[in-house]
Protein backbone atom coordinates (compact mmCIF):
# COMPACT_ATOMS: atom_id res chain seq x y z
CA GLN A 1 20.83 128.78 8.29
CA VAL A 2 22.44 131.16 10.76
CA GLN A 3 21.16 131.51 14.32
CA LEU A 4 21.96 134.17 16.88
CA VAL A 5 21.38 133.56 20.58
CA GLU A 6 21.79 136.38 23.08
CA SER A 7 22.43 135.97 26.78
CA GLY A 8 23.52 138.03 29.76
CA GLY A 9 20.62 140.37 30.25
CA GLY A 10 19.10 141.04 33.64
CA LEU A 11 18.30 143.55 36.35
CA VAL A 12 20.92 146.04 37.46
CA GLN A 13 21.01 149.25 39.45
CA PRO A 14 22.15 152.53 37.90
CA GLY A 15 25.90 152.63 37.62
CA GLY A 16 26.13 148.88 37.35
CA SER A 17 27.47 146.71 34.58
CA LEU A 18 26.28 143.85 32.44
CA ARG A 19 27.97 141.80 29.77
CA LEU A 20 25.84 140.55 26.89
CA SER A 21 26.92 137.74 24.65
CA CYS A 22 25.76 136.72 21.19
CA ALA A 23 26.51 133.18 20.06
CA VAL A 24 26.47 132.71 16.28
CA SER A 25 25.88 129.26 14.84
CA GLY A 26 24.99 127.70 11.53
CA ARG A 27 26.43 127.72 8.04
CA PHE A 28 28.65 130.68 7.27
CA VAL A 29 32.22 131.36 6.24
CA THR A 30 33.07 134.25 8.53
CA LEU A 31 31.28 136.13 11.27
CA ALA A 32 31.50 139.31 9.18
CA LEU A 33 29.86 142.43 10.58
CA VAL A 34 27.84 141.79 13.75
CA ALA A 35 25.83 144.44 15.55
CA TRP A 36 23.95 145.01 18.77
CA TYR A 37 20.66 146.90 18.62
CA ARG A 38 18.20 147.78 21.32
CA GLN A 39 14.55 148.65 21.57
CA GLY A 40 13.26 150.42 24.65
CA PRO A 41 9.62 150.76 25.69
CA GLY A 42 7.78 152.82 23.08
CA ASN A 43 10.93 153.37 21.06
CA GLN A 44 12.17 152.25 17.68
CA ARG A 45 14.96 149.75 17.44
CA GLU A 46 18.30 151.54 17.36
CA LEU A 47 21.91 150.62 16.75
CA VAL A 48 24.07 150.33 19.86
CA ALA A 49 27.37 149.20 18.33
CA ASP A 50 28.79 147.04 15.59
CA ILE A 51 32.11 145.40 14.87
CA ASP A 52 33.54 144.25 11.56
CA SER A 53 35.84 141.41 10.59
CA ASP A 54 38.90 143.55 11.24
CA GLY A 55 37.74 144.34 14.75
CA ARG A 56 36.80 147.92 13.97
CA ALA A 57 34.00 149.07 16.22
CA ASN A 58 31.35 151.68 15.70
CA TYR A 59 29.24 153.07 18.56
CA ALA A 60 26.11 155.10 18.93
CA ASP A 61 26.74 158.36 20.73
CA PHE A 62 24.98 157.14 23.87
CA ALA A 63 27.26 154.10 24.00
CA LYS A 64 30.60 155.84 23.54
CA GLY A 65 32.75 155.70 26.65
CA ARG A 66 30.42 153.28 28.44
CA PHE A 67 29.97 150.23 26.19
CA ILE A 68 32.59 148.04 24.58
CA ILE A 69 31.88 145.60 21.77
CA SER A 70 34.25 142.72 21.13
CA ARG A 71 34.35 139.54 19.09
CA ASP A 72 35.86 136.08 19.29
CA ASP A 73 35.97 134.53 15.83
CA VAL A 74 37.13 131.18 17.18
CA ARG A 75 34.23 130.85 19.61
CA LYS A 76 31.94 132.68 17.17
CA THR A 77 30.68 135.09 19.78
CA VAL A 78 30.23 138.84 19.94
CA SER A 79 30.01 140.49 23.34
CA LEU A 80 28.81 143.84 24.59
CA GLN A 81 30.25 145.05 27.88
CA MET A 82 27.97 147.72 29.29
CA ASN A 83 29.21 149.92 32.12
CA SER A 84 27.78 152.89 33.99
CA LEU A 85 24.28 151.79 33.09
CA LYS A 86 21.43 154.27 33.26
CA PRO A 87 17.67 153.78 33.52
CA GLU A 88 17.37 154.94 29.91
CA ASP A 89 19.45 151.93 28.86
CA THR A 90 16.48 149.74 29.76
CA ALA A 91 15.58 147.85 26.60
CA VAL A 92 15.56 144.54 24.83
CA TYR A 93 18.99 144.09 23.28
CA TYR A 94 19.25 142.23 19.98
CA CYS A 95 22.15 140.74 18.09
CA HIS A 96 22.11 141.17 14.31
CA ARG A 97 24.10 139.71 11.43
CA TYR A 98 23.08 140.36 7.82
CA LEU A 99 19.35 139.55 7.71
CA THR A 100 19.28 137.53 10.92
CA TRP A 101 18.14 138.71 14.33
CA GLY A 102 18.41 137.02 17.68
CA GLN A 103 15.45 136.70 20.01
CA GLY A 104 16.71 139.47 22.28
CA THR A 105 17.68 139.71 25.92
CA GLN A 106 16.05 142.08 28.40
CA VAL A 107 18.14 144.65 30.24
CA THR A 108 16.43 146.56 33.03
CA VAL A 109 18.17 149.34 34.93
CA TYR A 110 16.18 150.33 37.98
CA SER A 111 16.63 152.54 41.00
């Protein structure tokens, strides 16, 4: 069974940065496609970015130019570097791989 554990969330002021990490463990052959989603207060869960086995990244429009997704297949981790954070980025951020979700990590951007 595959498990995803997120870390790195926290409180940050607008314009600040955070780096989220997703550790993948369990029985699998390759990391494959791994994605970051988020769910803000009163909002539906939405895709932030994903990255495939070849390292090709895909970003939501709101993430382009501010967020960078990366992967380390040796350490089995996928990271999300978030820069120039805005209050509207406040959400629980989730890691996702196939049918598996992590428990989420809270990101709060406050003035």
